[in-house]
PDB file of N, CA and C in Angstrom:
ATOM      1  N   MET A   1     157.629  99.820-166.107  1.00  0.00           N
ATOM      2  CA  MET A   1     157.622 100.731-167.231  1.00  0.00           C
ATOM      3  C   MET A   1     157.396 102.150-166.715  1.00  0.00           C
ATOM      4  N   PRO A   2     158.093 103.111-167.289  1.00  0.00           N
ATOM      5  CA  PRO A   2     157.957 104.493-166.842  1.00  0.00           C
ATOM      6  C   PRO A   2     156.564 105.052-167.130  1.00  0.00           C
ATOM      7  N   LEU A   3     156.048 105.806-166.172  1.00  0.00           N
ATOM      8  CA  LEU A   3     154.754 106.472-166.331  1.00  0.00           C
ATOM      9  C   LEU A   3     154.947 107.974-166.301  1.00  0.00           C
ATOM     10  N   VAL A   4     154.153 108.680-167.094  1.00  0.00           N
ATOM     11  CA  VAL A   4     154.106 110.132-167.074  1.00  0.00           C
ATOM     12  C   VAL A   4     152.655 110.519-166.815  1.00  0.00           C
ATOM     13  N   GLU A   5     152.437 111.382-165.831  1.00  0.00           N
ATOM     14  CA  GLU A   5     151.097 111.868-165.534  1.00  0.00           C
ATOM     15  C   GLU A   5     151.061 113.376-165.721  1.00  0.00           C
ATOM     16  N   PHE A   6     149.964 113.878-166.297  1.00  0.00           N
ATOM     17  CA  PHE A   6     149.836 115.316-166.486  1.00  0.00           C
ATOM     18  C   PHE A   6     148.368 115.697-166.602  1.00  0.00           C
ATOM     19  N   GLU A   7     148.094 116.992-166.425  1.00  0.00           N
ATOM     20  CA  GLU A   7     146.748 117.527-166.569  1.00  0.00           C
ATOM     21  C   GLU A   7     146.736 118.548-167.692  1.00  0.00           C
ATOM     22  N   THR A   8     145.648 118.539-168.456  1.00  0.00           N
ATOM     23  CA  THR A   8     145.427 119.550-169.472  1.00  0.00           C
ATOM     24  C   THR A   8     144.192 120.334-169.055  1.00  0.00           C
ATOM     25  N   HIS A   9     144.291 121.652-169.085  1.00  0.00           N
ATOM     26  CA  HIS A   9     143.181 122.517-168.668  1.00  0.00           C
ATOM     27  C   HIS A   9     142.611 123.236-169.886  1.00  0.00           C
ATOM     28  N   TYR A  10     141.291 123.258-169.949  1.00  0.00           N
ATOM     29  CA  TYR A  10     140.584 123.938-171.033  1.00  0.00           C
ATOM     30  C   TYR A  10     139.687 124.994-170.420  1.00  0.00           C
ATOM     31  N   LEU A  11     139.812 126.233-170.885  1.00  0.00           N
ATOM     32  CA  LEU A  11     138.953 127.323-170.426  1.00  0.00           C
ATOM     33  C   LEU A  11     138.189 127.863-171.626  1.00  0.00           C
ATOM     34  N   PHE A  12     136.870 127.771-171.551  1.00  0.00           N
ATOM     35  CA  PHE A  12     136.013 128.251-172.622  1.00  0.00           C
ATOM     36  C   PHE A  12     135.568 129.660-172.285  1.00  0.00           C
ATOM     37  N   GLU A  13     136.104 130.623-173.021  1.00  0.00           N
ATOM     38  CA  GLU A  13     135.874 132.026-172.717  1.00  0.00           C
ATOM     39  C   GLU A  13     134.404 132.429-172.847  1.00  0.00           C
ATOM     40  N   ARG A  14     133.694 131.775-173.728  1.00  0.00           N
ATOM     41  CA  ARG A  14     132.303 132.173-173.978  1.00  0.00           C
ATOM     42  C   ARG A  14     131.453 132.098-172.717  1.00  0.00           C
ATOM     43  N   ASP A  15     131.600 130.988-171.957  1.00  0.00           N
ATOM     44  CA  ASP A  15     130.763 130.855-170.752  1.00  0.00           C
ATOM     45  C   ASP A  15     131.577 130.624-169.478  1.00  0.00           C
ATOM     46  N   GLY A  16     132.907 130.656-169.581  1.00  0.00           N
ATOM     47  CA  GLY A  16     133.743 130.499-168.392  1.00  0.00           C
ATOM     48  C   GLY A  16     133.926 129.066-167.919  1.00  0.00           C
ATOM     49  N   THR A  17     133.450 128.114-168.696  1.00  0.00           N
ATOM     50  CA  THR A  17     133.592 126.706-168.318  1.00  0.00           C
ATOM     51  C   THR A  17     135.068 126.321-168.275  1.00  0.00           C
ATOM     52  N   HIS A  18     135.436 125.635-167.202  1.00  0.00           N
ATOM     53  CA  HIS A  18     136.815 125.151-167.054  1.00  0.00           C
ATOM     54  C   HIS A  18     136.768 123.632-166.919  1.00  0.00           C
ATOM     55  N   LEU A  19     137.434 122.941-167.830  1.00  0.00           N
ATOM     56  CA  LEU A  19     137.495 121.487-167.796  1.00  0.00           C
ATOM     57  C   LEU A  19     138.937 121.053-167.593  1.00  0.00           C
ATOM     58  N   THR A  20     139.114 119.972-166.858  1.00  0.00           N
ATOM     59  CA  THR A  20     140.438 119.413-166.631  1.00  0.00           C
ATOM     60  C   THR A  20     140.449 117.965-167.091  1.00  0.00           C
ATOM     61  N   ASN A  21     141.470 117.608-167.842  1.00  0.00           N
ATOM     62  CA  ASN A  21     141.641 116.234-168.288  1.00  0.00           C
ATOM     63  C   ASN A  21     142.934 115.695-167.689  1.00  0.00           C
ATOM     64  N   ARG A  22     142.847 114.601-166.949  1.00  0.00           N
ATOM     65  CA  ARG A  22     144.027 113.972-166.381  1.00  0.00           C
ATOM     66  C   ARG A  22     144.441 112.803-167.265  1.00  0.00           C
ATOM     67  N   SER A  23     145.723 112.729-167.576  1.00  0.00           N
ATOM     68  CA  SER A  23     146.242 111.676-168.448  1.00  0.00           C
ATOM     69  C   SER A  23     147.386 110.950-167.776  1.00  0.00           C
ATOM     70  N   ARG A  24     147.487 109.673-168.069  1.00  0.00           N
ATOM     71  CA  ARG A  24     148.611 108.861-167.615  1.00  0.00           C
ATOM     72  C   ARG A  24     149.090 108.062-168.819  1.00  0.00           C
ATOM     73  N   LEU A  25     150.355 108.244-169.161  1.00  0.00           N
ATOM     74  CA  LEU A  25     150.944 107.553-170.302  1.00  0.00           C
ATOM     75  C   LEU A  25     152.005 106.579-169.817  1.00  0.00           C
ATOM     76  N   ARG A  26     152.017 105.411-170.406  1.00  0.00           N
ATOM     77  CA  ARG A  26     153.060 104.424-170.108  1.00  0.00           C
ATOM     78  C   ARG A  26     153.869 104.217-171.375  1.00  0.00           C
ATOM     79  N   PHE A  27     155.162 104.312-171.246  1.00  0.00           N
ATOM     80  CA  PHE A  27     156.048 104.161-172.391  1.00  0.00           C
ATOM     81  C   PHE A  27     156.665 102.771-172.392  1.00  0.00           C
ATOM     82  N   THR A  28     156.863 102.247-173.580  1.00  0.00           N
ATOM     83  CA  THR A  28     157.463 100.937-173.730  1.00  0.00           C
ATOM     84  C   THR A  28     158.602 101.020-174.743  1.00  0.00           C
ATOM     85  N   SER A  29     159.435 100.035-174.749  1.00  0.00           N
ATOM     86  CA  SER A  29     160.546  99.994-175.692  1.00  0.00           C
ATOM     87  C   SER A  29     160.053  99.518-177.070  1.00  0.00           C
ATOM     88  N   HIS A  30     160.880  99.727-178.066  1.00  0.00           N
ATOM     89  CA  HIS A  30     160.588  99.236-179.410  1.00  0.00           C
ATOM     90  C   HIS A  30     160.416  97.719-179.387  1.00  0.00           C
ATOM     91  N   GLU A  31     161.302  97.025-178.667  1.00  0.00           N
ATOM     92  CA  GLU A  31     161.220  95.563-178.572  1.00  0.00           C
ATOM     93  C   GLU A  31     159.931  95.120-177.887  1.00  0.00           C
ATOM     94  N   GLY A  32     159.559  95.806-176.811  1.00  0.00           N
ATOM     95  CA  GLY A  32     158.326  95.466-176.106  1.00  0.00           C
ATOM     96  C   GLY A  32     157.096  95.676-176.958  1.00  0.00           C
ATOM     97  N   LEU A  33     157.082  96.773-177.701  1.00  0.00           N
ATOM     98  CA  LEU A  33     155.955  97.048-178.590  1.00  0.00           C
ATOM     99  C   LEU A  33     155.884  96.022-179.709  1.00  0.00           C
ATOM    100  N   ALA A  34     157.032  95.680-180.288  1.00  0.00           N
ATOM    101  CA  ALA A  34     157.068  94.677-181.356  1.00  0.00           C
ATOM    102  C   ALA A  34     156.549  93.330-180.855  1.00  0.00           C
ATOM    103  N   ALA A  35     156.936  92.944-179.652  1.00  0.00           N
ATOM    104  CA  ALA A  35     156.470  91.670-179.079  1.00  0.00           C
ATOM    105  C   ALA A  35     154.959  91.689-178.867  1.00  0.00           C
ATOM    106  N   ALA A  36     154.427  92.796-178.348  1.00  0.00           N
ATOM    107  CA  ALA A  36     152.980  92.897-178.104  1.00  0.00           C
ATOM    108  C   ALA A  36     152.198  92.861-179.419  1.00  0.00           C
ATOM    109  N   ILE A  37     152.709  93.530-180.441  1.00  0.00           N
ATOM    110  CA  ILE A  37     152.044  93.545-181.749  1.00  0.00           C
ATOM    111  C   ILE A  37     152.036  92.146-182.351  1.00  0.00           C
ATOM    112  N   THR A  38     153.158  91.456-182.253  1.00  0.00           N
ATOM    113  CA  THR A  38     153.251  90.087-182.777  1.00  0.00           C
ATOM    114  C   THR A  38     152.312  89.159-182.021  1.00  0.00           C
ATOM    115  N   MET A  39     152.269  89.292-180.697  1.00  0.00           N
ATOM    116  CA  MET A  39     151.363  88.454-179.890  1.00  0.00           C
ATOM    117  C   MET A  39     149.903  88.715-180.231  1.00  0.00           C
ATOM    118  N   ALA A  40     149.591  89.923-180.685  1.00  0.00           N
ATOM    119  CA  ALA A  40     148.214  90.262-181.057  1.00  0.00           C
ATOM    120  C   ALA A  40     147.838  89.697-182.421  1.00  0.00           C
ATOM    121  N   GLY A  41     148.804  89.079-183.122  1.00  0.00           N
ATOM    122  CA  GLY A  41     148.484  88.417-184.379  1.00  0.00           C
ATOM    123  C   GLY A  41     148.841  89.180-185.632  1.00  0.00           C
ATOM    124  N   PHE A  42     149.483  90.324-185.487  1.00  0.00           N
ATOM    125  CA  PHE A  42     149.885  91.074-186.674  1.00  0.00           C
ATOM    126  C   PHE A  42     151.174  90.506-187.231  1.00  0.00           C
ATOM    127  N   ARG A  43     151.272  90.453-188.547  1.00  0.00           N
ATOM    128  CA  ARG A  43     152.456  89.871-189.184  1.00  0.00           C
ATOM    129  C   ARG A  43     153.309  90.917-189.878  1.00  0.00           C
ATOM    130  N   GLU A  44     152.695  91.934-190.427  1.00  0.00           N
ATOM    131  CA  GLU A  44     153.425  92.950-191.179  1.00  0.00           C
ATOM    132  C   GLU A  44     153.414  94.250-190.385  1.00  0.00           C
ATOM    133  N   ILE A  45     154.593  94.781-190.085  1.00  0.00           N
ATOM    134  CA  ILE A  45     154.704  96.011-189.299  1.00  0.00           C
ATOM    135  C   ILE A  45     155.637  96.975-190.014  1.00  0.00           C
ATOM    136  N   GLU A  46     155.172  98.201-190.215  1.00  0.00           N
ATOM    137  CA  GLU A  46     156.025  99.268-190.737  1.00  0.00           C
ATOM    138  C   GLU A  46     156.302 100.215-189.577  1.00  0.00           C
ATOM    139  N   TRP A  47     157.564 100.608-189.400  1.00  0.00           N
ATOM    140  CA  TRP A  47     157.978 101.465-188.286  1.00  0.00           C
ATOM    141  C   TRP A  47     158.352 102.850-188.802  1.00  0.00           C
ATOM    142  N   PHE A  48     157.846 103.887-188.118  1.00  0.00           N
ATOM    143  CA  PHE A  48     158.151 105.274-188.471  1.00  0.00           C
ATOM    144  C   PHE A  48     158.524 106.048-187.221  1.00  0.00           C
ATOM    145  N   ARG A  49     159.258 107.152-187.409  1.00  0.00           N
ATOM    146  CA  ARG A  49     159.669 107.981-186.269  1.00  0.00           C
ATOM    147  C   ARG A  49     158.688 109.114-185.999  1.00  0.00           C
ATOM    148  N   ASP A  50     157.789 109.377-186.975  1.00  0.00           N
ATOM    149  CA  ASP A  50     156.827 110.473-186.820  1.00  0.00           C
ATOM    150  C   ASP A  50     155.641 110.222-187.742  1.00  0.00           C
ATOM    151  N   TRP A  51     154.599 111.054-187.577  1.00  0.00           N
ATOM    152  CA  TRP A  51     153.388 110.871-188.383  1.00  0.00           C
ATOM    153  C   TRP A  51     153.600 111.296-189.826  1.00  0.00           C
ATOM    154  N   GLY A  52     154.742 111.936-190.137  1.00  0.00           N
ATOM    155  CA  GLY A  52     155.069 112.296-191.497  1.00  0.00           C
ATOM    156  C   GLY A  52     155.704 111.155-192.274  1.00  0.00           C
ATOM    157  N   GLY A  53     155.943 110.019-191.604  1.00  0.00           N
ATOM    158  CA  GLY A  53     156.490 108.849-192.275  1.00  0.00           C
ATOM    159  C   GLY A  53     157.996 108.778-192.294  1.00  0.00           C
ATOM    160  N   GLY A  54     158.656 109.564-191.440  1.00  0.00           N
ATOM    161  CA  GLY A  54     160.116 109.513-191.372  1.00  0.00           C
ATOM    162  C   GLY A  54     160.588 108.151-190.892  1.00  0.00           C
ATOM    163  N   PRO A  55     161.769 107.725-191.332  1.00  0.00           N
ATOM    164  CA  PRO A  55     162.269 106.399-190.957  1.00  0.00           C
ATOM    165  C   PRO A  55     162.583 106.294-189.468  1.00  0.00           C
ATOM    166  N   PHE A  56     162.174 105.195-188.861  1.00  0.00           N
ATOM    167  CA  PHE A  56     162.413 104.962-187.435  1.00  0.00           C
ATOM    168  C   PHE A  56     163.871 104.580-187.208  1.00  0.00           C
ATOM    169  N   GLN A  57     164.478 105.222-186.214  1.00  0.00           N
ATOM    170  CA  GLN A  57     165.821 104.869-185.759  1.00  0.00           C
ATOM    171  C   GLN A  57     165.759 104.802-184.239  1.00  0.00           C
ATOM    172  N   GLU A  58     165.995 103.634-183.705  1.00  0.00           N
ATOM    173  CA  GLU A  58     165.796 103.425-182.272  1.00  0.00           C
ATOM    174  C   GLU A  58     166.580 104.407-181.411  1.00  0.00           C
ATOM    175  N   SER A  59     167.781 104.754-181.807  1.00  0.00           N
ATOM    176  CA  SER A  59     168.626 105.606-180.967  1.00  0.00           C
ATOM    177  C   SER A  59     168.245 107.087-181.011  1.00  0.00           C
ATOM    178  N   THR A  60     167.521 107.530-182.046  1.00  0.00           N
ATOM    179  CA  THR A  60     167.255 108.966-182.177  1.00  0.00           C
ATOM    180  C   THR A  60     165.783 109.346-182.295  1.00  0.00           C
ATOM    181  N   SER A  61     164.899 108.404-182.566  1.00  0.00           N
ATOM    182  CA  SER A  61     163.484 108.739-182.764  1.00  0.00           C
ATOM    183  C   SER A  61     162.807 109.004-181.425  1.00  0.00           C
ATOM    184  N   SER A  62     162.047 110.106-181.360  1.00  0.00           N
ATOM    185  CA  SER A  62     161.339 110.433-180.117  1.00  0.00           C
ATOM    186  C   SER A  62     159.966 109.780-180.048  1.00  0.00           C
ATOM    187  N   GLU A  63     159.483 109.256-181.163  1.00  0.00           N
ATOM    188  CA  GLU A  63     158.211 108.543-181.195  1.00  0.00           C
ATOM    189  C   GLU A  63     158.402 107.215-181.917  1.00  0.00           C
ATOM    190  N   ILE A  64     157.470 106.314-181.663  1.00  0.00           N
ATOM    191  CA  ILE A  64     157.432 105.039-182.380  1.00  0.00           C
ATOM    192  C   ILE A  64     156.041 104.915-182.983  1.00  0.00           C
ATOM    193  N   ILE A  65     155.953 105.009-184.293  1.00  0.00           N
ATOM    194  CA  ILE A  65     154.677 104.859-185.000  1.00  0.00           C
ATOM    195  C   ILE A  65     154.722 103.499-185.700  1.00  0.00           C
ATOM    196  N   ALA A  66     153.778 102.638-185.376  1.00  0.00           N
ATOM    197  CA  ALA A  66     153.729 101.306-185.967  1.00  0.00           C
ATOM    198  C   ALA A  66     152.444 101.188-186.793  1.00  0.00           C
ATOM    199  N   ILE A  67     152.600 100.878-188.062  1.00  0.00           N
ATOM    200  CA  ILE A  67     151.463 100.598-188.935  1.00  0.00           C
ATOM    201  C   ILE A  67     151.435  99.081-189.097  1.00  0.00           C
ATOM    202  N   CYS A  68     150.360  98.455-188.640  1.00  0.00           N
ATOM    203  CA  CYS A  68     150.306  96.987-188.543  1.00  0.00           C
ATOM    204  C   CYS A  68     149.212  96.418-189.433  1.00  0.00           C
ATOM    205  N   ARG A  69     149.527  95.275-190.021  1.00  0.00           N
ATOM    206  CA  ARG A  69     148.558  94.551-190.852  1.00  0.00           C
ATOM    207  C   ARG A  69     148.533  93.098-190.432  1.00  0.00           C
ATOM    208  N   ALA A  70     147.349  92.530-190.447  1.00  0.00           N
ATOM    209  CA  ALA A  70     147.188  91.130-190.059  1.00  0.00           C
ATOM    210  C   ALA A  70     147.570  90.202-191.191  1.00  0.00           C
TER     211      ALA A  70
END
């Protein structure tokens, strides 16, 4: 599975504190996510393309938002 690694830097002007957060994200396919959700015991899944509730389309959505219910 593809991994993306990046750092986010925070500079607090008040006292000059500099913090760094390192992140590693792993992306999965819609099918892989659906299989993992089902294996976890969820039965009802709603799929969205964004946090605004737009309809998910596998070929064009840049995000996969899954709302799951047991």
